[in-house]
Amino acid sequence: MKIDRLLAIVTLLLGRDRISGKELAERFEVSVRTICRDIDAINKAGIPIVSYTGIAGGYGLIDHYKLDRQLLTFEELFVIETALNGMLSSLDDQKIQLLMDKVQALIVKAERDQMQEHKQKMIVDFNPWGHGRSEQDIIERLRGAIKDNLMVEFDYPDMLGEYHARKIEPMTIALKGYIWYVYGYCTTRKNYRIFRLSRINNLRITLESFVRRNKTIEDLEALWYDRGPVTHLELHFQPQVRTRVQDYFKAESITPLPDGSLQVKGEFLEDSWLYDTILSFGPNVLVLEPEHIRAEIADRVRRTAQLYDK
């Protein structure tokens, strides 16, 4: 709609010193002539836009023109913009970009250098290491399926790494730490499940619609704590892996010992993550309890050693 484009142009001009007609035309996918007519309409509406000629020409608002930002302070605007930048690192969403433009429009020219200085002191980036375009595409496609209540199908690995077809009613996508997940009702398993996006292969959005089930975000979040039996675990770590231990385990579960080593006690879900984490510490960790995990770790170490004995 033309009115939406006019408002978006004003928003951009409020956040930029100067912008060319060509850039505006490309951004809004219209001709430069249409942009000229839009600028004329904005001027007639009482918003003063100046046209600059030359190589660095373009359009800009007169210096003293700004929006009243009501109760928002400069620091609050900085926090909002930083958070939105973090979202844009993971979500290629034009609505978020438009909101960013609106926030930037509330920052007067005299504060822009100060804003740039603040940006050097804090970064919020939800984009995980190694995150590629393929995972971002999955996020966008799942968001569309959730919005339209469409079933999705994909291949997903089991604990042994073998892929099986799954069909779910996607309900929510969630970012936990640096990992994206989708929560949904799995019609294959007849229950609610959590799937890690990086493990999803061959995603297909079907034309089959569903009625969203009566589950709140709190109900879905509870899935994290209902994923199988937990085990009381006691571990002893050597001093040289202290930093990694503090990265992996909660502070309240760690007890420093006089010789610099660490003891970790707590309730843990007994799954592949637990075994892989313990094994990743190599000879710098010893499982004290329970006995069956000690035995399983020892067996996995023996089987690994046999691969190198041949």
Protein backbone atom coordinates (compact mmCIF):
# COMPACT_ATOMS: atom_id res chain seq x y z
CA MET A 1 0.00 0.00 0.00
CA LYS A 2 1.16 3.52 -0.82
CA ILE A 3 0.54 4.86 2.71
CA ASP A 4 2.72 2.08 4.17
CA ARG A 5 5.51 2.98 1.75
CA LEU A 6 5.26 6.68 2.61
CA LEU A 7 5.50 5.94 6.33
CA ALA A 8 8.44 3.61 5.73
CA ILE A 9 10.26 6.29 3.70
CA VAL A 10 9.78 8.84 6.51
CA THR A 11 11.07 6.29 9.02
CA LEU A 12 14.20 5.66 6.93
CA LEU A 13 14.86 9.37 6.49
CA LEU A 14 14.56 9.91 10.23
CA GLY A 15 17.28 7.34 10.81
CA ARG A 16 19.60 8.37 7.98
CA ASP A 17 21.33 11.64 7.13
CA ARG A 18 20.75 11.12 3.43
CA ILE A 19 19.47 8.36 1.12
CA SER A 20 19.36 8.26 -2.67
CA GLY A 21 16.24 7.89 -4.75
CA LYS A 22 17.75 4.80 -6.39
CA GLU A 23 18.27 3.09 -3.02
CA LEU A 24 14.71 3.91 -1.99
CA ALA A 25 13.38 2.55 -5.28
CA GLU A 26 15.31 -0.70 -4.91
CA ARG A 27 14.25 -1.11 -1.30
CA PHE A 28 10.55 -0.68 -2.03
CA GLU A 29 10.67 -2.30 -5.48
CA VAL A 30 9.22 0.68 -7.33
CA SER A 31 10.58 3.09 -9.93
CA VAL A 32 12.65 6.18 -9.12
CA ARG A 33 9.83 8.25 -10.62
CA THR A 34 7.40 6.73 -8.09
CA ILE A 35 9.80 7.65 -5.29
CA CYS A 36 9.88 11.25 -6.55
CA ARG A 37 6.08 11.37 -6.39
CA ASP A 38 6.18 9.86 -2.88
CA ILE A 39 8.68 12.50 -1.70
CA ASP A 40 6.44 15.22 -3.10
CA ALA A 41 3.41 13.75 -1.27
CA ILE A 42 5.37 13.61 2.01
CA ASN A 43 6.42 17.24 1.63
CA LYS A 44 2.82 18.27 1.00
CA ALA A 45 1.83 16.44 4.20
CA GLY A 46 4.06 18.85 6.14
CA ILE A 47 7.17 16.70 6.64
CA PRO A 48 10.13 18.76 5.35
CA ILE A 49 12.34 16.73 3.00
CA VAL A 50 15.35 18.36 1.32
CA SER A 51 16.69 17.19 -2.06
CA TYR A 52 20.49 17.22 -2.48
CA THR A 53 22.21 17.15 -5.88
CA GLY A 54 25.60 15.80 -6.91
CA ILE A 55 27.42 12.49 -6.42
CA ALA A 56 26.51 12.35 -2.73
CA GLY A 57 23.01 13.60 -3.38
CA GLY A 58 19.70 12.20 -2.32
CA TYR A 59 16.96 13.01 0.12
CA GLY A 60 17.14 14.00 3.77
CA LEU A 61 15.05 15.64 6.47
CA ILE A 62 15.93 19.10 7.73
CA ASP A 63 18.19 18.85 10.76
CA HIS A 64 15.79 19.93 13.48
CA TYR A 65 12.98 17.56 12.46
CA LYS A 66 12.48 14.53 14.71
CA LEU A 67 9.78 12.35 16.23
CA ASP A 68 8.77 12.75 19.84
CA ARG A 69 10.00 9.59 21.51
CA GLN A 70 7.83 10.11 24.56
CA LEU A 71 9.15 8.19 27.61
CA LEU A 72 12.03 6.32 25.95
CA THR A 73 15.49 7.39 27.08
CA PHE A 74 18.64 7.08 24.97
CA GLU A 75 19.82 4.09 27.04
CA GLU A 76 16.49 2.33 26.56
CA LEU A 77 16.67 2.88 22.80
CA PHE A 78 20.17 1.41 22.79
CA VAL A 79 18.97 -1.73 24.60
CA ILE A 80 16.06 -2.14 22.15
CA GLU A 81 18.28 -1.69 19.09
CA THR A 82 20.91 -4.11 20.45
CA ALA A 83 18.28 -6.78 21.09
CA LEU A 84 16.76 -6.31 17.63
CA ASN A 85 20.20 -6.59 16.04
CA GLY A 86 20.63 -9.90 17.83
CA MET A 87 17.33 -11.16 16.44
CA LEU A 88 18.32 -10.10 12.93
CA SER A 89 21.50 -12.19 13.24
CA SER A 90 19.30 -15.31 13.27
CA LEU A 91 16.06 -14.26 11.58
CA ASP A 92 16.00 -12.71 8.14
CA ASP A 93 12.75 -10.92 8.86
CA GLN A 94 11.75 -7.71 7.08
CA LYS A 95 9.34 -6.86 9.91
CA ILE A 96 12.23 -6.83 12.38
CA GLN A 97 14.24 -4.68 9.97
CA LEU A 98 11.32 -2.25 9.71
CA LEU A 99 11.11 -2.10 13.50
CA MET A 100 14.86 -1.43 13.58
CA ASP A 101 14.33 1.46 11.18
CA LYS A 102 11.64 2.87 13.46
CA VAL A 103 13.86 2.67 16.53
CA GLN A 104 16.74 4.34 14.68
CA ALA A 105 14.36 7.07 13.60
CA LEU A 106 13.86 7.99 17.26
CA ILE A 107 17.57 8.70 17.68
CA VAL A 108 18.30 12.33 16.91
CA LYS A 109 21.37 13.21 14.83
CA ALA A 110 23.20 14.61 17.84
CA GLU A 111 23.01 11.17 19.51
CA ARG A 112 24.14 9.01 16.61
CA ASP A 113 27.86 9.22 17.38
CA GLN A 114 27.07 8.29 20.97
CA MET A 115 25.01 5.32 19.75
CA GLN A 116 27.92 4.10 17.61
CA GLU A 117 30.21 4.38 20.64
CA HIS A 118 27.79 2.30 22.72
CA LYS A 119 27.65 -0.37 19.99
CA GLN A 120 31.39 -0.94 20.41
CA LYS A 121 30.80 -1.98 24.02
CA MET A 122 28.04 -4.58 23.70
CA ILE A 123 27.07 -7.23 21.17
CA VAL A 124 24.01 -9.47 21.31
CA ASP A 125 24.35 -12.17 18.66
CA PHE A 126 21.95 -15.13 18.59
CA ASN A 127 23.72 -16.55 15.56
CA PRO A 128 25.58 -19.71 16.69
CA TRP A 129 29.07 -20.57 15.49
CA GLY A 130 28.80 -22.41 12.21
CA HIS A 131 25.22 -21.29 11.68
CA GLY A 132 24.56 -21.26 7.96
CA ARG A 133 21.91 -20.15 5.54
CA SER A 134 20.36 -23.66 5.46
CA GLU A 135 19.37 -23.52 9.13
CA GLN A 136 18.03 -19.99 8.70
CA ASP A 137 15.88 -21.26 5.84
CA ILE A 138 14.50 -23.99 8.11
CA ILE A 139 13.65 -21.40 10.75
CA GLU A 140 11.79 -19.23 8.24
CA ARG A 141 9.88 -22.16 6.76
CA LEU A 142 8.88 -23.47 10.18
CA ARG A 143 7.71 -20.01 11.24
CA GLY A 144 5.47 -19.93 8.19
CA ALA A 145 4.09 -23.41 8.93
CA ILE A 146 3.38 -22.45 12.55
CA LYS A 147 1.64 -19.25 11.46
CA ASP A 148 -0.54 -21.09 8.92
CA ASN A 149 -1.10 -24.23 11.07
CA LEU A 150 0.39 -26.55 8.45
CA MET A 151 1.81 -30.00 9.18
CA VAL A 152 5.48 -30.57 8.41
CA GLU A 153 7.45 -33.69 7.57
CA PHE A 154 11.18 -34.32 7.85
CA ASP A 155 13.82 -36.98 8.50
CA TYR A 156 15.31 -37.07 11.99
CA PRO A 157 18.05 -39.25 13.51
CA ASP A 158 17.57 -41.59 16.45
CA MET A 159 20.15 -42.22 19.17
CA LEU A 160 22.13 -44.46 16.79
CA GLY A 161 22.20 -41.83 14.05
CA GLU A 162 19.72 -43.61 11.79
CA TYR A 163 17.21 -41.28 10.11
CA HIS A 164 13.46 -41.89 10.30
CA ALA A 165 10.52 -40.00 8.81
CA ARG A 166 8.64 -37.74 11.24
CA LYS A 167 5.42 -35.79 10.85
CA ILE A 168 4.55 -33.09 13.35
CA GLU A 169 2.17 -30.27 14.15
CA PRO A 170 4.72 -27.47 14.71
CA MET A 171 3.76 -25.23 17.63
CA THR A 172 6.76 -23.13 18.68
CA ILE A 173 10.37 -22.52 17.73
CA ALA A 174 12.78 -21.77 20.56
CA LEU A 175 16.36 -20.61 20.88
CA LYS A 176 18.10 -22.30 23.82
CA GLY A 177 21.59 -21.00 24.37
CA TYR A 178 22.84 -21.02 20.78
CA ILE A 179 20.69 -23.90 19.49
CA TRP A 180 17.32 -23.66 17.74
CA TYR A 181 14.54 -26.18 18.44
CA VAL A 182 10.99 -26.75 17.27
CA TYR A 183 8.31 -27.93 19.71
CA GLY A 184 5.37 -29.82 18.31
CA TYR A 185 3.02 -32.77 18.44
CA CYS A 186 4.55 -35.74 16.64
CA THR A 187 1.86 -37.78 14.89
CA THR A 188 4.46 -40.49 14.32
CA ARG A 189 5.11 -40.96 18.06
CA LYS A 190 1.65 -39.77 19.20
CA ASN A 191 3.14 -37.37 21.72
CA TYR A 192 4.76 -33.95 22.13
CA ARG A 193 8.40 -33.80 21.11
CA ILE A 194 11.35 -31.40 20.84
CA PHE A 195 13.49 -31.46 17.70
CA ARG A 196 16.84 -29.79 17.18
CA LEU A 197 16.78 -27.84 13.91
CA SER A 198 20.38 -28.64 12.95
CA ARG A 199 19.43 -32.34 12.85
CA ILE A 200 16.39 -31.91 10.62
CA ASN A 201 16.86 -33.20 7.07
CA ASN A 202 14.62 -32.90 4.02
CA LEU A 203 12.02 -30.58 5.58
CA ARG A 204 8.68 -30.60 3.76
CA ILE A 205 5.81 -28.20 4.44
CA THR A 206 2.57 -30.03 3.66
CA LEU A 207 -0.79 -28.61 2.64
CA GLU A 208 -2.43 -30.49 5.51
CA SER A 209 -3.73 -28.10 8.16
CA PHE A 210 -4.24 -28.80 11.84
CA VAL A 211 -6.03 -27.22 14.78
CA ARG A 212 -3.50 -25.98 17.31
CA ARG A 213 -3.64 -28.04 20.48
CA ASN A 214 -4.45 -26.46 23.81
CA LYS A 215 -0.89 -26.19 25.10
CA THR A 216 0.70 -23.06 26.53
CA ILE A 217 4.34 -22.08 26.17
CA GLU A 218 4.80 -23.15 29.81
CA ASP A 219 3.42 -26.61 28.98
CA LEU A 220 5.81 -26.96 26.06
CA GLU A 221 8.76 -25.73 28.09
CA ALA A 222 8.01 -28.48 30.62
CA LEU A 223 8.97 -31.00 27.94
CA TRP A 224 12.62 -30.25 28.77
CA TYR A 225 12.10 -31.68 32.23
CA ASP A 226 10.13 -34.72 31.16
CA ARG A 227 12.49 -36.43 28.74
CA GLY A 228 13.28 -39.57 30.66
CA PRO A 229 14.72 -40.80 33.97
CA VAL A 230 17.35 -38.76 35.77
CA THR A 231 20.32 -40.19 37.61
CA HIS A 232 22.25 -38.89 40.61
CA LEU A 233 25.79 -38.47 39.33
CA GLU A 234 29.09 -37.79 41.11
CA LEU A 235 32.16 -36.86 39.08
CA HIS A 236 35.75 -35.96 39.96
CA PHE A 237 37.65 -33.62 37.60
CA GLN A 238 41.36 -32.80 37.42
CA PRO A 239 42.42 -29.14 37.98
CA GLN A 240 43.48 -28.58 34.35
CA VAL A 241 39.87 -28.81 33.09
CA ARG A 242 38.42 -26.43 35.67
CA THR A 243 37.32 -23.85 33.09
CA ARG A 244 35.48 -26.41 30.96
CA VAL A 245 33.74 -27.84 34.02
CA GLN A 246 32.46 -24.38 34.91
CA ASP A 247 31.21 -24.01 31.32
CA TYR A 248 29.29 -27.29 31.34
CA PHE A 249 27.88 -27.56 34.86
CA LYS A 250 25.91 -25.28 37.18
CA ALA A 251 27.92 -23.49 39.85
CA GLU A 252 25.84 -24.94 42.69
CA SER A 253 26.73 -28.50 41.61
CA ILE A 254 30.51 -27.85 41.68
CA THR A 255 32.63 -28.23 44.81
CA PRO A 256 36.32 -27.14 44.69
CA LEU A 257 38.66 -29.51 46.56
CA PRO A 258 41.89 -28.55 48.41
CA ASP A 259 44.16 -29.99 45.69
CA GLY A 260 42.53 -27.84 42.99
CA SER A 261 40.37 -30.61 41.56
CA LEU A 262 36.59 -30.36 41.35
CA GLN A 263 33.73 -32.58 42.42
CA VAL A 264 30.41 -32.36 40.62
CA LYS A 265 27.18 -33.74 42.10
CA GLY A 266 23.69 -33.48 40.71
CA GLU A 267 20.69 -34.99 38.98
CA PHE A 268 21.25 -35.48 35.26
CA LEU A 269 19.22 -36.90 32.41
CA GLU A 270 20.91 -40.11 31.36
CA ASP A 271 21.18 -39.71 27.60
CA SER A 272 23.78 -39.57 24.85
CA TRP A 273 24.67 -35.97 25.78
CA LEU A 274 25.69 -37.09 29.26
CA TYR A 275 27.93 -39.91 28.04
CA ASP A 276 29.45 -37.80 25.27
CA THR A 277 30.18 -34.97 27.71
CA ILE A 278 31.89 -37.25 30.22
CA LEU A 279 33.98 -38.91 27.49
CA SER A 280 34.99 -35.53 26.08
CA PHE A 281 37.02 -34.90 29.24
CA GLY A 282 39.16 -37.99 28.56
CA PRO A 283 41.46 -39.00 31.44
CA ASN A 284 40.66 -35.79 33.35
CA VAL A 285 37.39 -37.09 34.76
CA LEU A 286 36.46 -40.05 36.93
CA VAL A 287 32.88 -41.21 37.48
CA LEU A 288 32.43 -41.91 41.19
CA GLU A 289 28.75 -42.85 41.13
CA PRO A 290 26.59 -44.58 39.96
CA GLU A 291 28.24 -47.89 39.18
CA HIS A 292 26.32 -48.59 35.95
CA ILE A 293 27.54 -45.31 34.40
CA ARG A 294 31.10 -46.12 35.50
CA ALA A 295 30.75 -49.48 33.74
CA GLU A 296 29.26 -47.92 30.58
CA ILE A 297 32.03 -45.31 30.34
CA ALA A 298 34.69 -47.98 30.84
CA ASP A 299 33.11 -50.14 28.14
CA ARG A 300 33.01 -47.26 25.65
CA VAL A 301 36.64 -46.43 26.35
CA ARG A 302 37.64 -50.09 25.78
CA ARG A 303 35.74 -50.24 22.50
CA THR A 304 37.37 -47.01 21.36
CA ALA A 305 40.83 -48.30 22.29
CA GLN A 306 40.21 -51.49 20.30
CA LEU A 307 39.81 -49.41 17.13
CA TYR A 308 43.45 -48.31 17.51
CA ASP A 309 44.82 -51.71 18.53
CA LYS A 310 44.27 -53.16 15.07
